[in-house]
Amino acid sequence: MSAFKHHRFAWGLGLMLAFAPVAQAQEAVVAAPDAEALFTSPDPKLNANKQVAYRIFRDLLEANQWDKAGDYLTERCIQHNPNAASGRQSVIDFFTKVLKRQPIPIQDKLKSPVVFVQAEGDLVTVATVRTEKDPKDPSKTYTTTWFDTWRIVDGKADEHWDSAVKM
């Protein structure tokens, strides 16, 4: 096929896809049956990094035990979330003063619906199920995936990314 014909074909196909009815079906995002097992690895370094992410989720994000933040976050803790400033104290203030989260007892198992945990080098990504209201029909919800990624340095999270948008 000549370059011109190929371009015309691709343009025509693009138009057809652009104006085709939008598929309404979606595969639901589903949590893994054993979240705790996802935070382990046979590799000792990856296992240690996954355990830091596990404790951040369990102790800080779920139980709001922000007095333990020094155990899991470096002092500089670089934030790529547009709502929280960098620095351990800024992260603590965001959760305790802005979001006004109150501490609760630490549970034996995570409540968060974890889909997967990926560890590579010094990075750990945790994906969880996120349920949102359907903008076209607020009486309905749909599931999507939320991501948190931490760079682990010397046993603590030194940098964090997530899928947050400005509040």
C-alpha atoms as a PDB file:
ATOM      1  CA  MET A   1       0.000   0.000   0.000  1.00  0.00           C
ATOM      2  CA  SER A   2       1.414   3.396  -0.942  1.00  0.00           C
ATOM      3  CA  ALA A   3       2.149   5.873   1.829  1.00  0.00           C
ATOM      4  CA  PHE A   4      -0.751   8.071   0.619  1.00  0.00           C
ATOM      5  CA  LYS A   5      -3.228   5.183   0.571  1.00  0.00           C
ATOM      6  CA  HIS A   6      -1.979   3.976   3.961  1.00  0.00           C
ATOM      7  CA  HIS A   7      -2.429   7.495   5.389  1.00  0.00           C
ATOM      8  CA  ARG A   8      -5.970   7.752   3.920  1.00  0.00           C
ATOM      9  CA  PHE A   9      -6.819   4.306   5.347  1.00  0.00           C
ATOM     10  CA  ALA A  10      -5.477   5.172   8.796  1.00  0.00           C
ATOM     11  CA  TRP A  11      -7.298   8.528   8.771  1.00  0.00           C
ATOM     12  CA  GLY A  12     -10.564   6.864   7.720  1.00  0.00           C
ATOM     13  CA  LEU A  13     -10.195   4.158  10.363  1.00  0.00           C
ATOM     14  CA  GLY A  14      -9.488   6.836  12.970  1.00  0.00           C
ATOM     15  CA  LEU A  15     -12.681   8.698  12.004  1.00  0.00           C
ATOM     16  CA  MET A  16     -14.742   5.512  12.217  1.00  0.00           C
ATOM     17  CA  LEU A  17     -13.345   4.743  15.670  1.00  0.00           C
ATOM     18  CA  ALA A  18     -13.842   8.319  16.849  1.00  0.00           C
ATOM     19  CA  PHE A  19     -17.522   8.262  15.971  1.00  0.00           C
ATOM     20  CA  ALA A  20     -18.238   4.636  16.860  1.00  0.00           C
ATOM     21  CA  PRO A  21     -20.514   4.062  19.866  1.00  0.00           C
ATOM     22  CA  VAL A  22     -18.508   4.042  23.066  1.00  0.00           C
ATOM     23  CA  ALA A  23     -18.371   0.624  24.665  1.00  0.00           C
ATOM     24  CA  GLN A  24     -20.160   0.665  27.998  1.00  0.00           C
ATOM     25  CA  ALA A  25     -18.777  -2.581  29.359  1.00  0.00           C
ATOM     26  CA  GLN A  26     -15.832  -2.630  31.693  1.00  0.00           C
ATOM     27  CA  GLU A  27     -14.075  -5.379  33.526  1.00  0.00           C
ATOM     28  CA  ALA A  28     -14.316  -4.586  37.212  1.00  0.00           C
ATOM     29  CA  VAL A  29     -11.067  -4.039  39.082  1.00  0.00           C
ATOM     30  CA  VAL A  30     -10.923  -6.769  41.724  1.00  0.00           C
ATOM     31  CA  ALA A  31      -8.808  -7.050  44.863  1.00  0.00           C
ATOM     32  CA  ALA A  32      -6.480  -9.985  45.345  1.00  0.00           C
ATOM     33  CA  PRO A  33      -7.742 -12.583  47.823  1.00  0.00           C
ATOM     34  CA  ASP A  34      -4.605 -12.368  50.029  1.00  0.00           C
ATOM     35  CA  ALA A  35      -3.214  -8.835  50.077  1.00  0.00           C
ATOM     36  CA  GLU A  36      -0.527  -9.630  52.646  1.00  0.00           C
ATOM     37  CA  ALA A  37       1.019 -12.287  50.362  1.00  0.00           C
ATOM     38  CA  LEU A  38       1.547  -9.614  47.682  1.00  0.00           C
ATOM     39  CA  PHE A  39       3.904  -7.724  49.997  1.00  0.00           C
ATOM     40  CA  THR A  40       6.480 -10.540  50.044  1.00  0.00           C
ATOM     41  CA  SER A  41       9.240 -11.579  47.677  1.00  0.00           C
ATOM     42  CA  PRO A  42      11.862 -14.346  47.680  1.00  0.00           C
ATOM     43  CA  ASP A  43      14.424 -11.623  46.915  1.00  0.00           C
ATOM     44  CA  PRO A  44      15.512 -10.210  50.323  1.00  0.00           C
ATOM     45  CA  LYS A  45      15.900  -6.592  49.100  1.00  0.00           C
ATOM     46  CA  LEU A  46      12.563  -6.547  47.262  1.00  0.00           C
ATOM     47  CA  ASN A  47      10.909  -8.225  50.250  1.00  0.00           C
ATOM     48  CA  ALA A  48      12.274  -5.537  52.602  1.00  0.00           C
ATOM     49  CA  ASN A  49      11.076  -2.768  50.261  1.00  0.00           C
ATOM     50  CA  LYS A  50       7.621  -4.347  49.944  1.00  0.00           C
ATOM     51  CA  GLN A  51       7.415  -4.572  53.730  1.00  0.00           C
ATOM     52  CA  VAL A  52       8.060  -0.817  54.017  1.00  0.00           C
ATOM     53  CA  ALA A  53       5.164  -0.189  51.596  1.00  0.00           C
ATOM     54  CA  TYR A  54       2.998  -2.608  53.585  1.00  0.00           C
ATOM     55  CA  ARG A  55       3.655  -0.757  56.847  1.00  0.00           C
ATOM     56  CA  ILE A  56       3.010   2.607  55.204  1.00  0.00           C
ATOM     57  CA  PHE A  57      -0.362   1.291  54.052  1.00  0.00           C
ATOM     58  CA  ARG A  58      -1.288  -0.481  57.287  1.00  0.00           C
ATOM     59  CA  ASP A  59       0.138   1.815  59.967  1.00  0.00           C
ATOM     60  CA  LEU A  60       0.013   5.239  58.312  1.00  0.00           C
ATOM     61  CA  LEU A  61      -2.660   5.275  55.612  1.00  0.00           C
ATOM     62  CA  GLU A  62      -5.163   2.924  57.244  1.00  0.00           C
ATOM     63  CA  ALA A  63      -4.554   3.347  60.982  1.00  0.00           C
ATOM     64  CA  ASN A  64      -3.436   6.992  60.769  1.00  0.00           C
ATOM     65  CA  GLN A  65      -0.650   6.363  63.253  1.00  0.00           C
ATOM     66  CA  TRP A  66       1.294   9.335  61.932  1.00  0.00           C
ATOM     67  CA  ASP A  67       3.452   9.391  65.072  1.00  0.00           C
ATOM     68  CA  LYS A  68       5.180   6.369  63.433  1.00  0.00           C
ATOM     69  CA  ALA A  69       5.962   8.261  60.193  1.00  0.00           C
ATOM     70  CA  GLY A  70       9.648   8.550  61.126  1.00  0.00           C
ATOM     71  CA  ASP A  71       9.869   4.744  61.006  1.00  0.00           C
ATOM     72  CA  TYR A  72       8.734   4.632  57.349  1.00  0.00           C
ATOM     73  CA  LEU A  73       9.382   8.020  55.690  1.00  0.00           C
ATOM     74  CA  THR A  74      12.656   9.880  55.229  1.00  0.00           C
ATOM     75  CA  GLU A  75      12.899  13.447  56.468  1.00  0.00           C
ATOM     76  CA  ARG A  76      12.904  14.821  52.905  1.00  0.00           C
ATOM     77  CA  CYS A  77      10.188  12.458  51.524  1.00  0.00           C
ATOM     78  CA  ILE A  78       9.711  13.990  48.069  1.00  0.00           C
ATOM     79  CA  GLN A  79       6.023  14.233  47.129  1.00  0.00           C
ATOM     80  CA  HIS A  80       4.648  14.154  43.588  1.00  0.00           C
ATOM     81  CA  ASN A  81       1.056  14.372  44.831  1.00  0.00           C
ATOM     82  CA  PRO A  82      -0.226  17.851  43.870  1.00  0.00           C
ATOM     83  CA  ASN A  83      -1.961  18.261  47.250  1.00  0.00           C
ATOM     84  CA  ALA A  84       0.855  17.438  49.664  1.00  0.00           C
ATOM     85  CA  ALA A  85       4.147  19.263  50.049  1.00  0.00           C
ATOM     86  CA  SER A  86       7.452  17.406  50.257  1.00  0.00           C
ATOM     87  CA  GLY A  87       8.997  16.603  53.602  1.00  0.00           C
ATOM     88  CA  ARG A  88       7.939  14.127  56.275  1.00  0.00           C
ATOM     89  CA  GLN A  89       6.381  16.800  58.494  1.00  0.00           C
ATOM     90  CA  SER A  90       4.427  18.218  55.536  1.00  0.00           C
ATOM     91  CA  VAL A  91       3.033  14.757  54.772  1.00  0.00           C
ATOM     92  CA  ILE A  92       2.079  14.293  58.432  1.00  0.00           C
ATOM     93  CA  ASP A  93       0.395  17.719  58.436  1.00  0.00           C
ATOM     94  CA  PHE A  94      -1.493  16.923  55.235  1.00  0.00           C
ATOM     95  CA  PHE A  95      -3.085  13.819  56.740  1.00  0.00           C
ATOM     96  CA  THR A  96      -3.575  15.117  60.296  1.00  0.00           C
ATOM     97  CA  LYS A  97      -4.366  18.816  59.749  1.00  0.00           C
ATOM     98  CA  VAL A  98      -5.779  19.055  56.216  1.00  0.00           C
ATOM     99  CA  LEU A  99      -7.581  15.703  55.956  1.00  0.00           C
ATOM    100  CA  LYS A 100      -8.029  15.581  59.754  1.00  0.00           C
ATOM    101  CA  ARG A 101      -7.466  11.831  59.962  1.00  0.00           C
ATOM    102  CA  GLN A 102      -7.694  10.414  63.469  1.00  0.00           C
ATOM    103  CA  PRO A 103      -5.604   7.452  64.648  1.00  0.00           C
ATOM    104  CA  ILE A 104      -7.266   4.061  65.076  1.00  0.00           C
ATOM    105  CA  PRO A 105      -5.768   0.755  66.218  1.00  0.00           C
ATOM    106  CA  ILE A 106      -3.498  -1.002  63.726  1.00  0.00           C
ATOM    107  CA  GLN A 107      -5.255  -4.054  62.302  1.00  0.00           C
ATOM    108  CA  ASP A 108      -3.716  -7.481  61.675  1.00  0.00           C
ATOM    109  CA  LYS A 109      -4.693  -7.381  57.987  1.00  0.00           C
ATOM    110  CA  LEU A 110      -5.098  -4.622  55.438  1.00  0.00           C
ATOM    111  CA  LYS A 111      -8.559  -3.261  54.797  1.00  0.00           C
ATOM    112  CA  SER A 112      -7.484  -1.721  51.492  1.00  0.00           C
ATOM    113  CA  PRO A 113      -8.516  -3.741  48.419  1.00  0.00           C
ATOM    114  CA  VAL A 114      -5.040  -4.377  46.991  1.00  0.00           C
ATOM    115  CA  VAL A 115      -4.924  -5.545  43.371  1.00  0.00           C
ATOM    116  CA  PHE A 116      -1.167  -6.030  42.970  1.00  0.00           C
ATOM    117  CA  VAL A 117       2.215  -5.034  44.380  1.00  0.00           C
ATOM    118  CA  GLN A 118       5.164  -4.594  42.023  1.00  0.00           C
ATOM    119  CA  ALA A 119       8.742  -4.176  43.211  1.00  0.00           C
ATOM    120  CA  GLU A 120      11.683  -3.423  40.960  1.00  0.00           C
ATOM    121  CA  GLY A 121      14.987  -2.056  42.191  1.00  0.00           C
ATOM    122  CA  ASP A 122      14.217   0.607  44.799  1.00  0.00           C
ATOM    123  CA  LEU A 123      10.607   1.191  43.640  1.00  0.00           C
ATOM    124  CA  VAL A 124       7.451  -0.417  45.019  1.00  0.00           C
ATOM    125  CA  THR A 125       4.059   0.169  43.399  1.00  0.00           C
ATOM    126  CA  VAL A 126       0.826  -0.768  45.128  1.00  0.00           C
ATOM    127  CA  ALA A 127      -2.375  -0.773  43.073  1.00  0.00           C
ATOM    128  CA  THR A 128      -5.731  -0.721  44.851  1.00  0.00           C
ATOM    129  CA  VAL A 129      -9.358  -0.804  43.778  1.00  0.00           C
ATOM    130  CA  ARG A 130     -10.931   2.619  43.685  1.00  0.00           C
ATOM    131  CA  THR A 131     -14.700   2.991  43.409  1.00  0.00           C
ATOM    132  CA  GLU A 132     -16.004   6.201  41.837  1.00  0.00           C
ATOM    133  CA  LYS A 133     -19.442   7.635  41.105  1.00  0.00           C
ATOM    134  CA  ASP A 134     -20.446   7.441  37.457  1.00  0.00           C
ATOM    135  CA  PRO A 135     -20.488  11.071  36.202  1.00  0.00           C
ATOM    136  CA  LYS A 136     -23.318  10.202  33.794  1.00  0.00           C
ATOM    137  CA  ASP A 137     -25.415   8.540  36.494  1.00  0.00           C
ATOM    138  CA  PRO A 138     -24.453   9.414  40.118  1.00  0.00           C
ATOM    139  CA  SER A 139     -26.649   6.568  41.388  1.00  0.00           C
ATOM    140  CA  LYS A 140     -24.111   4.144  39.865  1.00  0.00           C
ATOM    141  CA  THR A 141     -20.467   3.474  40.595  1.00  0.00           C
ATOM    142  CA  TYR A 142     -17.574   1.958  38.698  1.00  0.00           C
ATOM    143  CA  THR A 143     -14.161   0.659  39.685  1.00  0.00           C
ATOM    144  CA  THR A 144     -10.801   1.915  38.568  1.00  0.00           C
ATOM    145  CA  THR A 145      -7.255   1.539  39.842  1.00  0.00           C
ATOM    146  CA  TRP A 146      -5.357   3.812  42.232  1.00  0.00           C
ATOM    147  CA  PHE A 147      -1.561   3.656  42.234  1.00  0.00           C
ATOM    148  CA  ASP A 148       0.967   4.567  44.902  1.00  0.00           C
ATOM    149  CA  THR A 149       4.668   4.204  44.149  1.00  0.00           C
ATOM    150  CA  TRP A 150       7.463   4.739  46.638  1.00  0.00           C
ATOM    151  CA  ARG A 151      11.221   4.909  46.172  1.00  0.00           C
ATOM    152  CA  ILE A 152      12.722   3.111  49.157  1.00  0.00           C
ATOM    153  CA  VAL A 153      16.088   4.364  50.398  1.00  0.00           C
ATOM    154  CA  ASP A 154      17.759   2.762  53.414  1.00  0.00           C
ATOM    155  CA  GLY A 155      14.511   1.138  54.541  1.00  0.00           C
ATOM    156  CA  LYS A 156      12.287   4.224  54.274  1.00  0.00           C
ATOM    157  CA  ALA A 157      10.146   5.851  51.608  1.00  0.00           C
ATOM    158  CA  ASP A 158      12.144   8.751  50.167  1.00  0.00           C
ATOM    159  CA  GLU A 159       9.891   9.635  47.237  1.00  0.00           C
ATOM    160  CA  HIS A 160       6.202   9.099  46.449  1.00  0.00           C
ATOM    161  CA  TRP A 161       4.007   9.203  43.351  1.00  0.00           C
ATOM    162  CA  ASP A 162       0.272   8.546  43.082  1.00  0.00           C
ATOM    163  CA  SER A 163      -2.609   9.200  40.735  1.00  0.00           C
ATOM    164  CA  ALA A 164      -4.029  12.152  42.698  1.00  0.00           C
ATOM    165  CA  VAL A 165      -5.372  15.277  41.057  1.00  0.00           C
ATOM    166  CA  LYS A 166      -5.684  18.663  42.730  1.00  0.00           C
ATOM    167  CA  MET A 167      -8.384  18.888  45.397  1.00  0.00           C
END
